[in-house]
Amino acid sequence: RKAWYALRRTMPPWSFDDNLAELIACLPRYGVDEVIVKVDAETFSHGHTPLQWVRDYLPKLIRVRDAMDRLGIVYSINPWFTLGHCDRGWDGSSTPDIERLVGHDGAKCKECACPLSQGWREYFFEVWRLYAETGPKVLWVEDDIRTFNHTPAEFGCFCPAHMKMFSKRIGEKVTRKKLVRSMLRPGKPHPWRAEFLAMQGEIMVDVARRLSKA
């Protein structure tokens, strides 16, 4: 075999049995090597789903795993939601302990999480730990675990926690407006731009390191 065929498949709870039967019938027929279950994805997503929702979904994932084992097909998971791609009309009420991203203009997200939020970290690590219990070959981390393009916080987080950390790094108290104005000034880049980007990178590396341990 010169190719590895992996199918990503969303399996909503209300059509799970039909979806699983379809996988069992079709994957061997078309030579699919791996199925990647997308959990609560795209238009079916509820954002940061309550932990109990995840716990209730685990038996379904185990059914997929066992069925794939019998067929000799690899089972993986793509949870689809980490920080959040964009708000999509959610209000964050199901996970009130998560602090949300704040944009450069002060607009606060209603669902997208701040990576410094302790509430989000505890939630995120626990969700991935629960998924890992089902024994996937690969447990994906979605591409929304990034420092930009989280509508309405397009250019990173400028929440009080981020501003406090940045101020400590440069040795003076800096407001969000002053930081944004300095980073966006024309001409030679202000040194704060590189410092802020470096800080965001270090935060995400810390998240990844802690996730691997979880």
N, C-alpha and C. Protein backbone atom coordinates (compact mmCIF):
# COMPACT_ATOMS: atom_id res chain seq x y z
N ARG A 1 0.84 -1.19 0.00
CA ARG A 1 0.00 0.00 0.00
C ARG A 1 0.88 1.25 0.00
N LYS A 2 0.62 2.15 -0.93
CA LYS A 2 1.38 3.39 -1.01
C LYS A 2 0.62 4.57 -0.41
N ALA A 3 -0.59 4.32 0.05
CA ALA A 3 -1.40 5.42 0.61
C ALA A 3 -2.10 4.94 1.86
N TRP A 4 -2.41 5.91 2.74
CA TRP A 4 -3.17 5.64 3.96
C TRP A 4 -4.44 6.46 3.87
N TYR A 5 -5.58 5.77 3.87
CA TYR A 5 -6.86 6.45 3.72
C TYR A 5 -7.54 6.61 5.08
N ALA A 6 -7.73 7.86 5.46
CA ALA A 6 -8.38 8.17 6.74
C ALA A 6 -9.66 8.96 6.46
N LEU A 7 -10.74 8.55 7.09
CA LEU A 7 -12.03 9.22 6.92
C LEU A 7 -12.40 9.93 8.21
N ARG A 8 -12.65 11.23 8.12
CA ARG A 8 -13.19 11.97 9.27
C ARG A 8 -14.71 11.91 9.19
N ARG A 9 -15.33 11.55 10.32
CA ARG A 9 -16.79 11.36 10.31
C ARG A 9 -17.40 11.92 11.58
N THR A 10 -18.32 12.87 11.41
CA THR A 10 -19.08 13.38 12.55
C THR A 10 -20.21 12.40 12.87
N MET A 11 -20.37 12.06 14.15
CA MET A 11 -21.39 11.08 14.55
C MET A 11 -22.27 11.68 15.65
N PRO A 12 -23.28 12.45 15.25
CA PRO A 12 -24.17 13.07 16.23
C PRO A 12 -24.92 12.02 17.04
N PRO A 13 -25.19 12.28 18.29
CA PRO A 13 -25.87 11.29 19.14
C PRO A 13 -27.20 10.80 18.57
N TRP A 14 -27.95 11.69 17.90
CA TRP A 14 -29.30 11.31 17.45
C TRP A 14 -29.29 10.41 16.21
N SER A 15 -28.15 10.30 15.53
CA SER A 15 -28.08 9.40 14.37
C SER A 15 -26.92 8.43 14.50
N PHE A 16 -26.45 8.23 15.73
CA PHE A 16 -25.22 7.46 15.94
C PHE A 16 -25.33 6.04 15.42
N ASP A 17 -26.42 5.34 15.75
CA ASP A 17 -26.54 3.94 15.35
C ASP A 17 -26.49 3.79 13.83
N ASP A 18 -27.19 4.67 13.12
CA ASP A 18 -27.18 4.61 11.66
C ASP A 18 -25.79 4.92 11.12
N ASN A 19 -25.14 5.90 11.71
CA ASN A 19 -23.80 6.28 11.26
C ASN A 19 -22.80 5.15 11.48
N LEU A 20 -22.89 4.49 12.63
CA LEU A 20 -21.97 3.39 12.92
C LEU A 20 -22.20 2.22 11.96
N ALA A 21 -23.46 1.90 11.69
CA ALA A 21 -23.77 0.83 10.75
C ALA A 21 -23.22 1.15 9.36
N GLU A 22 -23.30 2.41 8.99
CA GLU A 22 -22.77 2.84 7.69
C GLU A 22 -21.25 2.66 7.64
N LEU A 23 -20.57 3.03 8.73
CA LEU A 23 -19.11 2.86 8.78
C LEU A 23 -18.73 1.39 8.65
N ILE A 24 -19.42 0.55 9.38
CA ILE A 24 -19.11 -0.88 9.37
C ILE A 24 -19.29 -1.47 7.97
N ALA A 25 -20.29 -0.99 7.26
CA ALA A 25 -20.56 -1.51 5.93
C ALA A 25 -19.63 -0.94 4.86
N CYS A 26 -19.32 0.34 4.99
CA CYS A 26 -18.63 1.03 3.89
C CYS A 26 -17.11 1.06 4.00
N LEU A 27 -16.58 1.17 5.21
CA LEU A 27 -15.12 1.35 5.32
C LEU A 27 -14.33 0.20 4.71
N PRO A 28 -14.67 -1.07 5.02
CA PRO A 28 -13.91 -2.15 4.39
C PRO A 28 -14.10 -2.17 2.86
N ARG A 29 -15.29 -1.83 2.42
CA ARG A 29 -15.58 -1.88 0.99
C ARG A 29 -14.68 -0.93 0.20
N TYR A 30 -14.40 0.22 0.80
CA TYR A 30 -13.61 1.23 0.09
C TYR A 30 -12.16 1.30 0.56
N GLY A 31 -11.73 0.33 1.34
CA GLY A 31 -10.32 0.26 1.72
C GLY A 31 -9.86 1.37 2.63
N VAL A 32 -10.74 1.85 3.51
CA VAL A 32 -10.37 2.92 4.45
C VAL A 32 -9.55 2.31 5.58
N ASP A 33 -8.42 2.95 5.89
CA ASP A 33 -7.50 2.43 6.90
C ASP A 33 -7.79 2.96 8.31
N GLU A 34 -8.38 4.14 8.38
CA GLU A 34 -8.55 4.80 9.68
C GLU A 34 -9.82 5.63 9.67
N VAL A 35 -10.56 5.59 10.76
CA VAL A 35 -11.70 6.49 10.92
C VAL A 35 -11.37 7.45 12.06
N ILE A 36 -11.58 8.74 11.79
CA ILE A 36 -11.34 9.80 12.78
C ILE A 36 -12.70 10.37 13.17
N VAL A 37 -13.15 10.06 14.36
CA VAL A 37 -14.47 10.52 14.80
C VAL A 37 -14.38 11.99 15.19
N LYS A 38 -15.14 12.81 14.50
CA LYS A 38 -15.24 14.23 14.84
C LYS A 38 -16.37 14.38 15.87
N VAL A 39 -16.03 14.88 17.03
CA VAL A 39 -16.99 14.96 18.13
C VAL A 39 -17.63 16.34 18.17
N ASP A 40 -18.96 16.36 18.09
CA ASP A 40 -19.71 17.62 18.26
C ASP A 40 -19.15 18.72 17.36
N ALA A 41 -19.05 18.43 16.08
CA ALA A 41 -18.30 19.30 15.17
C ALA A 41 -19.18 20.15 14.28
N GLU A 42 -18.56 21.21 13.77
CA GLU A 42 -19.15 22.09 12.76
C GLU A 42 -20.54 22.59 13.18
N THR A 43 -21.53 22.42 12.32
CA THR A 43 -22.86 22.96 12.60
C THR A 43 -23.56 22.22 13.74
N PHE A 44 -23.05 21.04 14.14
CA PHE A 44 -23.63 20.31 15.26
C PHE A 44 -23.02 20.73 16.59
N SER A 45 -21.98 21.56 16.56
CA SER A 45 -21.20 21.85 17.77
C SER A 45 -21.99 22.70 18.77
N HIS A 46 -21.71 22.44 20.05
CA HIS A 46 -22.27 23.24 21.13
C HIS A 46 -21.19 24.08 21.81
N GLY A 47 -20.04 24.25 21.15
CA GLY A 47 -18.95 25.00 21.77
C GLY A 47 -18.26 24.17 22.84
N HIS A 48 -17.96 24.80 23.96
CA HIS A 48 -17.37 24.07 25.08
C HIS A 48 -18.50 23.27 25.76
N THR A 49 -18.62 22.02 25.37
CA THR A 49 -19.70 21.19 25.91
C THR A 49 -19.44 20.88 27.38
N PRO A 50 -20.48 20.78 28.20
CA PRO A 50 -20.29 20.41 29.60
C PRO A 50 -19.57 19.07 29.73
N LEU A 51 -18.79 18.90 30.78
CA LEU A 51 -18.04 17.66 30.98
C LEU A 51 -18.96 16.44 31.01
N GLN A 52 -20.15 16.60 31.56
CA GLN A 52 -21.06 15.46 31.62
C GLN A 52 -21.48 15.01 30.23
N TRP A 53 -21.62 15.96 29.31
CA TRP A 53 -21.94 15.59 27.93
C TRP A 53 -20.84 14.71 27.35
N VAL A 54 -19.59 15.10 27.61
CA VAL A 54 -18.46 14.32 27.12
C VAL A 54 -18.47 12.92 27.74
N ARG A 55 -18.69 12.85 29.06
CA ARG A 55 -18.72 11.54 29.74
C ARG A 55 -19.83 10.65 29.16
N ASP A 56 -20.97 11.25 28.86
CA ASP A 56 -22.08 10.47 28.29
C ASP A 56 -21.78 9.98 26.88
N TYR A 57 -20.88 10.69 26.18
CA TYR A 57 -20.56 10.32 24.79
C TYR A 57 -19.49 9.24 24.72
N LEU A 58 -18.72 9.05 25.79
CA LEU A 58 -17.62 8.08 25.76
C LEU A 58 -18.07 6.67 25.39
N PRO A 59 -19.20 6.14 25.94
CA PRO A 59 -19.61 4.78 25.53
C PRO A 59 -19.82 4.64 24.03
N LYS A 60 -20.26 5.72 23.38
CA LYS A 60 -20.44 5.66 21.93
C LYS A 60 -19.08 5.56 21.23
N LEU A 61 -18.11 6.30 21.73
CA LEU A 61 -16.77 6.22 21.13
C LEU A 61 -16.18 4.82 21.31
N ILE A 62 -16.43 4.22 22.45
CA ILE A 62 -15.93 2.86 22.69
C ILE A 62 -16.58 1.88 21.72
N ARG A 63 -17.86 2.09 21.41
CA ARG A 63 -18.53 1.23 20.43
C ARG A 63 -17.86 1.35 19.06
N VAL A 64 -17.49 2.58 18.68
CA VAL A 64 -16.78 2.77 17.42
C VAL A 64 -15.44 2.05 17.46
N ARG A 65 -14.70 2.26 18.54
CA ARG A 65 -13.38 1.63 18.67
C ARG A 65 -13.48 0.11 18.54
N ASP A 66 -14.43 -0.49 19.26
CA ASP A 66 -14.55 -1.95 19.25
C ASP A 66 -14.95 -2.46 17.87
N ALA A 67 -15.84 -1.72 17.22
CA ALA A 67 -16.27 -2.14 15.87
C ALA A 67 -15.11 -2.04 14.89
N MET A 68 -14.31 -0.98 15.02
CA MET A 68 -13.17 -0.82 14.12
C MET A 68 -12.10 -1.87 14.40
N ASP A 69 -11.92 -2.22 15.66
CA ASP A 69 -10.95 -3.27 16.00
C ASP A 69 -11.30 -4.58 15.30
N ARG A 70 -12.59 -4.89 15.29
CA ARG A 70 -13.03 -6.14 14.64
C ARG A 70 -12.78 -6.12 13.13
N LEU A 71 -12.78 -4.92 12.57
CA LEU A 71 -12.58 -4.79 11.12
C LEU A 71 -11.12 -4.56 10.76
N GLY A 72 -10.26 -4.38 11.76
CA GLY A 72 -8.86 -4.09 11.49
C GLY A 72 -8.63 -2.67 11.00
N ILE A 73 -9.49 -1.75 11.43
CA ILE A 73 -9.41 -0.34 11.04
C ILE A 73 -9.01 0.49 12.25
N VAL A 74 -8.12 1.45 12.05
CA VAL A 74 -7.62 2.29 13.13
C VAL A 74 -8.69 3.28 13.58
N TYR A 75 -8.78 3.49 14.88
CA TYR A 75 -9.76 4.41 15.48
C TYR A 75 -9.03 5.61 16.08
N SER A 76 -9.42 6.82 15.67
CA SER A 76 -8.86 8.06 16.21
C SER A 76 -9.99 9.04 16.52
N ILE A 77 -9.65 10.13 17.20
CA ILE A 77 -10.66 11.13 17.59
C ILE A 77 -10.18 12.53 17.22
N ASN A 78 -11.11 13.33 16.70
CA ASN A 78 -10.88 14.76 16.45
C ASN A 78 -11.95 15.54 17.22
N PRO A 79 -11.65 15.99 18.46
CA PRO A 79 -12.67 16.68 19.25
C PRO A 79 -13.14 18.00 18.65
N TRP A 80 -12.38 18.62 17.77
CA TRP A 80 -12.81 19.77 16.98
C TRP A 80 -12.82 21.11 17.72
N PHE A 81 -12.84 21.13 19.03
CA PHE A 81 -13.00 22.39 19.74
C PHE A 81 -12.00 22.48 20.88
N THR A 82 -11.12 23.49 20.85
CA THR A 82 -10.19 23.72 21.96
C THR A 82 -10.44 25.10 22.55
N LEU A 83 -9.78 26.13 21.98
CA LEU A 83 -10.09 27.51 22.42
C LEU A 83 -11.40 27.98 21.81
N GLY A 84 -11.67 27.54 20.61
CA GLY A 84 -12.86 27.99 19.88
C GLY A 84 -12.45 28.75 18.63
N HIS A 85 -13.10 28.44 17.51
CA HIS A 85 -12.79 29.12 16.26
C HIS A 85 -13.37 30.53 16.24
N CYS A 86 -14.63 30.63 16.63
CA CYS A 86 -15.33 31.91 16.72
C CYS A 86 -16.57 31.69 17.57
N ASP A 87 -17.24 32.76 17.96
CA ASP A 87 -18.34 32.64 18.92
C ASP A 87 -19.56 31.90 18.36
N ARG A 88 -19.89 32.11 17.09
CA ARG A 88 -21.01 31.42 16.44
C ARG A 88 -22.34 31.52 17.21
N GLY A 89 -22.52 32.60 17.94
CA GLY A 89 -23.79 32.79 18.63
C GLY A 89 -23.90 32.12 19.98
N TRP A 90 -22.86 31.36 20.43
CA TRP A 90 -22.91 30.74 21.75
C TRP A 90 -22.74 31.81 22.83
N ASP A 91 -23.19 31.49 24.04
CA ASP A 91 -23.11 32.49 25.11
C ASP A 91 -22.20 32.07 26.27
N GLY A 92 -21.61 30.89 26.19
CA GLY A 92 -20.68 30.45 27.23
C GLY A 92 -21.32 30.06 28.53
N SER A 93 -22.64 29.99 28.59
CA SER A 93 -23.32 29.74 29.86
C SER A 93 -23.08 28.33 30.39
N SER A 94 -22.73 27.38 29.51
CA SER A 94 -22.54 26.00 29.96
C SER A 94 -21.17 25.81 30.63
N THR A 95 -20.25 26.74 30.44
CA THR A 95 -18.92 26.66 31.06
C THR A 95 -18.55 28.02 31.64
N PRO A 96 -19.23 28.44 32.70
CA PRO A 96 -19.04 29.80 33.24
C PRO A 96 -17.68 30.03 33.88
N ASP A 97 -16.91 28.99 34.19
CA ASP A 97 -15.60 29.18 34.83
C ASP A 97 -14.50 29.53 33.83
N ILE A 98 -14.83 29.52 32.56
CA ILE A 98 -13.83 29.82 31.53
C ILE A 98 -13.79 31.32 31.24
N GLU A 99 -12.62 31.94 31.38
CA GLU A 99 -12.44 33.34 30.99
C GLU A 99 -12.30 33.41 29.47
N ARG A 100 -12.88 34.42 28.88
CA ARG A 100 -12.93 34.51 27.42
C ARG A 100 -11.88 35.46 26.85
N LEU A 101 -11.58 35.26 25.57
CA LEU A 101 -10.63 36.13 24.88
C LEU A 101 -11.15 37.56 24.80
N VAL A 102 -10.23 38.51 24.88
CA VAL A 102 -10.54 39.93 24.71
C VAL A 102 -9.74 40.44 23.52
N GLY A 103 -10.41 41.06 22.56
CA GLY A 103 -9.76 41.53 21.36
C GLY A 103 -8.95 42.80 21.56
N HIS A 104 -8.22 43.20 20.54
CA HIS A 104 -7.38 44.41 20.61
C HIS A 104 -8.22 45.67 20.82
N ASP A 105 -9.51 45.60 20.41
CA ASP A 105 -10.40 46.75 20.56
C ASP A 105 -11.23 46.67 21.84
N GLY A 106 -10.97 45.67 22.67
CA GLY A 106 -11.70 45.52 23.92
C GLY A 106 -12.92 44.65 23.83
N ALA A 107 -13.29 44.21 22.61
CA ALA A 107 -14.45 43.32 22.45
C ALA A 107 -14.14 41.98 23.10
N LYS A 108 -15.09 41.47 23.89
CA LYS A 108 -14.88 40.22 24.62
C LYS A 108 -15.66 39.09 23.96
N CYS A 109 -14.98 38.00 23.69
CA CYS A 109 -15.66 36.84 23.14
C CYS A 109 -16.66 36.27 24.14
N LYS A 110 -17.68 35.62 23.64
CA LYS A 110 -18.66 34.98 24.50
C LYS A 110 -18.39 33.49 24.67
N GLU A 111 -17.60 32.91 23.75
CA GLU A 111 -17.33 31.47 23.83
C GLU A 111 -15.84 31.15 23.74
N CYS A 112 -15.10 31.82 22.87
CA CYS A 112 -13.68 31.52 22.68
C CYS A 112 -12.90 31.79 23.96
N ALA A 113 -12.09 30.83 24.37
CA ALA A 113 -11.43 30.87 25.68
C ALA A 113 -10.07 31.54 25.63
N CYS A 114 -9.72 32.20 26.71
CA CYS A 114 -8.38 32.75 26.88
C CYS A 114 -7.45 31.61 27.30
N PRO A 115 -6.30 31.44 26.64
CA PRO A 115 -5.41 30.33 27.00
C PRO A 115 -4.77 30.45 28.37
N LEU A 116 -4.87 31.64 28.99
CA LEU A 116 -4.37 31.80 30.36
C LEU A 116 -5.44 31.46 31.40
N SER A 117 -6.68 31.26 30.96
CA SER A 117 -7.77 30.98 31.88
C SER A 117 -7.55 29.63 32.59
N GLN A 118 -7.47 29.66 33.90
CA GLN A 118 -7.30 28.43 34.65
C GLN A 118 -8.52 27.53 34.50
N GLY A 119 -9.69 28.14 34.43
CA GLY A 119 -10.91 27.37 34.23
C GLY A 119 -10.90 26.64 32.90
N TRP A 120 -10.41 27.33 31.85
CA TRP A 120 -10.33 26.66 30.54
C TRP A 120 -9.31 25.54 30.57
N ARG A 121 -8.16 25.77 31.18
CA ARG A 121 -7.11 24.75 31.21
C ARG A 121 -7.60 23.49 31.93
N GLU A 122 -8.24 23.67 33.05
CA GLU A 122 -8.74 22.50 33.79
C GLU A 122 -9.78 21.75 32.95
N TYR A 123 -10.65 22.51 32.30
CA TYR A 123 -11.67 21.90 31.44
C TYR A 123 -11.03 21.18 30.27
N PHE A 124 -10.14 21.85 29.55
CA PHE A 124 -9.50 21.31 28.36
C PHE A 124 -8.72 20.04 28.65
N PHE A 125 -7.90 20.07 29.70
CA PHE A 125 -7.09 18.90 30.02
C PHE A 125 -7.96 17.72 30.44
N GLU A 126 -9.05 17.99 31.16
CA GLU A 126 -9.94 16.91 31.59
C GLU A 126 -10.69 16.30 30.38
N VAL A 127 -11.14 17.14 29.46
CA VAL A 127 -11.84 16.63 28.29
C VAL A 127 -10.92 15.72 27.48
N TRP A 128 -9.68 16.16 27.25
CA TRP A 128 -8.77 15.33 26.45
C TRP A 128 -8.35 14.07 27.22
N ARG A 129 -8.29 14.16 28.53
CA ARG A 129 -8.00 12.97 29.33
C ARG A 129 -9.13 11.95 29.18
N LEU A 130 -10.36 12.42 29.19
CA LEU A 130 -11.51 11.53 29.04
C LEU A 130 -11.49 10.87 27.66
N TYR A 131 -11.25 11.65 26.62
CA TYR A 131 -11.18 11.07 25.28
C TYR A 131 -10.05 10.05 25.18
N ALA A 132 -8.92 10.33 25.83
CA ALA A 132 -7.78 9.42 25.77
C ALA A 132 -8.11 8.08 26.41
N GLU A 133 -9.05 8.06 27.35
CA GLU A 133 -9.44 6.81 28.01
C GLU A 133 -10.02 5.79 27.03
N THR A 134 -10.52 6.26 25.90
CA THR A 134 -11.11 5.33 24.93
C THR A 134 -10.06 4.68 24.04
N GLY A 135 -8.80 5.07 24.18
CA GLY A 135 -7.71 4.41 23.46
C GLY A 135 -7.60 4.72 21.99
N PRO A 136 -7.74 5.99 21.57
CA PRO A 136 -7.56 6.29 20.14
C PRO A 136 -6.10 6.17 19.73
N LYS A 137 -5.88 5.83 18.46
CA LYS A 137 -4.52 5.82 17.93
C LYS A 137 -3.95 7.23 17.92
N VAL A 138 -4.78 8.19 17.46
CA VAL A 138 -4.40 9.60 17.44
C VAL A 138 -5.52 10.40 18.08
N LEU A 139 -5.16 11.30 18.97
CA LEU A 139 -6.11 12.23 19.58
C LEU A 139 -5.74 13.62 19.09
N TRP A 140 -6.52 14.10 18.16
CA TRP A 140 -6.19 15.37 17.50
C TRP A 140 -6.41 16.56 18.43
N VAL A 141 -5.65 17.62 18.16
CA VAL A 141 -5.89 18.93 18.77
C VAL A 141 -6.23 19.87 17.62
N GLU A 142 -7.39 20.47 17.68
CA GLU A 142 -7.92 21.23 16.55
C GLU A 142 -7.10 22.49 16.27
N ASP A 143 -7.26 23.03 15.05
CA ASP A 143 -6.46 24.19 14.66
C ASP A 143 -6.96 25.50 15.26
N ASP A 144 -7.95 25.45 16.13
CA ASP A 144 -8.35 26.67 16.84
C ASP A 144 -7.52 26.90 18.09
N ILE A 145 -6.51 26.06 18.35
CA ILE A 145 -5.60 26.29 19.47
C ILE A 145 -4.48 27.18 18.92
N ARG A 146 -4.81 28.44 18.75
CA ARG A 146 -3.93 29.41 18.11
C ARG A 146 -4.06 30.76 18.79
N THR A 147 -3.20 31.70 18.38
CA THR A 147 -3.19 33.01 19.04
C THR A 147 -3.87 34.09 18.21
N PHE A 148 -4.54 33.71 17.12
CA PHE A 148 -5.14 34.71 16.24
C PHE A 148 -6.41 34.16 15.60
N ASN A 149 -7.20 35.07 15.03
CA ASN A 149 -8.36 34.70 14.22
C ASN A 149 -9.45 33.98 15.02
N HIS A 150 -9.69 34.46 16.24
CA HIS A 150 -10.84 33.99 17.03
C HIS A 150 -11.86 35.13 17.05
N THR A 151 -12.76 35.16 16.11
CA THR A 151 -13.73 36.24 16.04
C THR A 151 -14.56 36.30 17.33
N PRO A 152 -14.66 37.49 18.01
CA PRO A 152 -14.18 38.80 17.58
C PRO A 152 -12.76 39.15 18.04
N ALA A 153 -12.01 38.27 18.66
CA ALA A 153 -10.64 38.57 19.08
C ALA A 153 -9.68 38.09 18.00
N GLU A 154 -9.49 38.91 16.98
CA GLU A 154 -8.78 38.46 15.78
C GLU A 154 -7.26 38.38 15.95
N PHE A 155 -6.68 39.19 16.82
CA PHE A 155 -5.22 39.35 16.82
C PHE A 155 -4.59 38.94 18.15
N GLY A 156 -5.19 37.97 18.82
CA GLY A 156 -4.64 37.56 20.11
C GLY A 156 -5.48 38.08 21.25
N CYS A 157 -5.10 37.71 22.46
CA CYS A 157 -5.89 38.09 23.64
C CYS A 157 -5.24 39.26 24.36
N PHE A 158 -6.06 40.24 24.70
CA PHE A 158 -5.62 41.44 25.41
C PHE A 158 -6.40 41.59 26.72
N CYS A 159 -6.70 40.46 27.34
CA CYS A 159 -7.46 40.48 28.59
C CYS A 159 -6.57 40.99 29.73
N PRO A 160 -7.14 41.27 30.90
CA PRO A 160 -6.34 41.74 32.02
C PRO A 160 -5.18 40.82 32.39
N ALA A 161 -5.39 39.49 32.28
CA ALA A 161 -4.31 38.56 32.62
C ALA A 161 -3.15 38.68 31.64
N HIS A 162 -3.47 38.80 30.36
CA HIS A 162 -2.41 38.98 29.36
C HIS A 162 -1.69 40.32 29.56
N MET A 163 -2.44 41.37 29.84
CA MET A 163 -1.83 42.68 30.02
C MET A 163 -0.95 42.71 31.27
N LYS A 164 -1.37 42.03 32.31
CA LYS A 164 -0.56 41.95 33.53
C LYS A 164 0.75 41.21 33.26
N MET A 165 0.66 40.11 32.53
CA MET A 165 1.86 39.34 32.21
C MET A 165 2.80 40.15 31.33
N PHE A 166 2.24 40.85 30.33
CA PHE A 166 3.08 41.64 29.45
C PHE A 166 3.75 42.78 30.20
N SER A 167 3.01 43.44 31.06
CA SER A 167 3.57 44.54 31.84
C SER A 167 4.73 44.06 32.70
N LYS A 168 4.59 42.89 33.26
CA LYS A 168 5.66 42.32 34.10
C LYS A 168 6.90 42.02 33.25
N ARG A 169 6.69 41.58 32.03
CA ARG A 169 7.82 41.24 31.15
C ARG A 169 8.66 42.46 30.80
N ILE A 170 8.01 43.61 30.59
CA ILE A 170 8.76 44.79 30.15
C ILE A 170 9.06 45.76 31.29
N GLY A 171 8.53 45.46 32.47
CA GLY A 171 8.88 46.27 33.64
C GLY A 171 8.12 47.56 33.79
N GLU A 172 6.96 47.69 33.15
CA GLU A 172 6.12 48.87 33.35
C GLU A 172 4.67 48.51 33.06
N LYS A 173 3.75 49.23 33.67
CA LYS A 173 2.35 48.95 33.46
C LYS A 173 1.90 49.48 32.11
N VAL A 174 1.30 48.61 31.31
CA VAL A 174 0.88 48.96 29.96
C VAL A 174 -0.60 48.70 29.81
N THR A 175 -1.31 49.67 29.25
CA THR A 175 -2.73 49.47 28.98
C THR A 175 -2.92 48.78 27.62
N ARG A 176 -4.08 48.21 27.44
CA ARG A 176 -4.38 47.55 26.17
C ARG A 176 -4.27 48.55 25.02
N LYS A 177 -4.83 49.74 25.18
CA LYS A 177 -4.82 50.72 24.10
C LYS A 177 -3.40 51.15 23.74
N LYS A 178 -2.55 51.32 24.75
CA LYS A 178 -1.18 51.74 24.49
C LYS A 178 -0.40 50.64 23.77
N LEU A 179 -0.63 49.39 24.17
CA LEU A 179 0.06 48.27 23.54
C LEU A 179 -0.36 48.16 22.08
N VAL A 180 -1.66 48.22 21.83
CA VAL A 180 -2.15 48.09 20.45
C VAL A 180 -1.64 49.24 19.59
N ARG A 181 -1.68 50.45 20.11
CA ARG A 181 -1.21 51.61 19.36
C ARG A 181 0.29 51.48 19.02
N SER A 182 1.05 50.97 19.96
CA SER A 182 2.49 50.81 19.73
C SER A 182 2.77 49.72 18.69
N MET A 183 2.03 48.62 18.78
CA MET A 183 2.28 47.52 17.85
C MET A 183 1.85 47.85 16.42
N LEU A 184 0.85 48.72 16.26
CA LEU A 184 0.32 49.02 14.94
C LEU A 184 0.86 50.30 14.34
N ARG A 185 1.80 50.94 15.01
CA ARG A 185 2.33 52.19 14.47
C ARG A 185 3.09 51.92 13.16
N PRO A 186 3.05 52.85 12.22
CA PRO A 186 3.77 52.65 10.95
C PRO A 186 5.27 52.79 11.14
N GLY A 187 6.01 52.36 10.11
CA GLY A 187 7.45 52.48 10.17
C GLY A 187 8.11 51.30 10.85
N LYS A 188 9.24 51.53 11.46
CA LYS A 188 9.99 50.47 12.13
C LYS A 188 9.16 49.88 13.26
N PRO A 189 9.03 48.55 13.30
CA PRO A 189 8.19 47.92 14.33
C PRO A 189 8.64 48.28 15.74
N HIS A 190 7.68 48.58 16.58
CA HIS A 190 7.96 48.84 18.00
C HIS A 190 8.45 47.53 18.64
N PRO A 191 9.44 47.58 19.52
CA PRO A 191 9.94 46.34 20.14
C PRO A 191 8.88 45.57 20.92
N TRP A 192 7.80 46.26 21.32
CA TRP A 192 6.75 45.56 22.05
C TRP A 192 6.04 44.53 21.17
N ARG A 193 6.05 44.75 19.85
CA ARG A 193 5.38 43.80 18.95
C ARG A 193 6.02 42.42 19.06
N ALA A 194 7.32 42.35 18.93
CA ALA A 194 8.02 41.07 19.04
C ALA A 194 7.86 40.47 20.43
N GLU A 195 7.85 41.32 21.45
CA GLU A 195 7.73 40.83 22.81
C GLU A 195 6.35 40.23 23.06
N PHE A 196 5.32 40.88 22.54
CA PHE A 196 3.96 40.38 22.72
C PHE A 196 3.76 39.06 21.98
N LEU A 197 4.30 38.98 20.75
CA LEU A 197 4.18 37.74 19.99
C LEU A 197 4.95 36.61 20.66
N ALA A 198 6.13 36.93 21.19
CA ALA A 198 6.91 35.91 21.90
C ALA A 198 6.16 35.42 23.12
N MET A 199 5.52 36.34 23.84
CA MET A 199 4.77 35.96 25.03
C MET A 199 3.62 35.03 24.68
N GLN A 200 2.89 35.36 23.60
CA GLN A 200 1.79 34.50 23.19
C GLN A 200 2.29 33.11 22.81
N GLY A 201 3.43 33.05 22.12
CA GLY A 201 3.99 31.77 21.74
C GLY A 201 4.36 30.93 22.96
N GLU A 202 4.95 31.57 23.96
CA GLU A 202 5.34 30.86 25.17
C GLU A 202 4.12 30.32 25.92
N ILE A 203 3.04 31.09 25.91
CA ILE A 203 1.81 30.65 26.57
C ILE A 203 1.29 29.38 25.90
N MET A 204 1.29 29.35 24.57
CA MET A 204 0.75 28.19 23.87
C MET A 204 1.66 26.97 24.01
N VAL A 205 2.97 27.19 24.07
CA VAL A 205 3.90 26.09 24.32
C VAL A 205 3.64 25.51 25.70
N ASP A 206 3.36 26.37 26.67
CA ASP A 206 3.05 25.90 28.03
C ASP A 206 1.78 25.08 28.04
N VAL A 207 0.76 25.51 27.28
CA VAL A 207 -0.48 24.76 27.19
C VAL A 207 -0.21 23.38 26.60
N ALA A 208 0.56 23.33 25.51
CA ALA A 208 0.86 22.05 24.86
C ALA A 208 1.62 21.12 25.80
N ARG A 209 2.56 21.68 26.55
CA ARG A 209 3.35 20.86 27.47
C ARG A 209 2.47 20.26 28.56
N ARG A 210 1.59 21.08 29.11
CA ARG A 210 0.70 20.60 30.17
C ARG A 210 -0.33 19.60 29.63
N LEU A 211 -0.76 19.81 28.38
CA LEU A 211 -1.71 18.88 27.78
C LEU A 211 -1.07 17.50 27.61
N SER A 212 0.18 17.47 27.18
CA SER A 212 0.84 16.18 26.97
C SER A 212 0.94 15.40 28.29
N LYS A 213 1.11 16.12 29.38
CA LYS A 213 1.17 15.46 30.69
C LYS A 213 -0.21 14.97 31.12
N ALA A 214 -1.22 15.76 30.80
CA ALA A 214 -2.60 15.38 31.17
C ALA A 214 -3.04 14.13 30.43
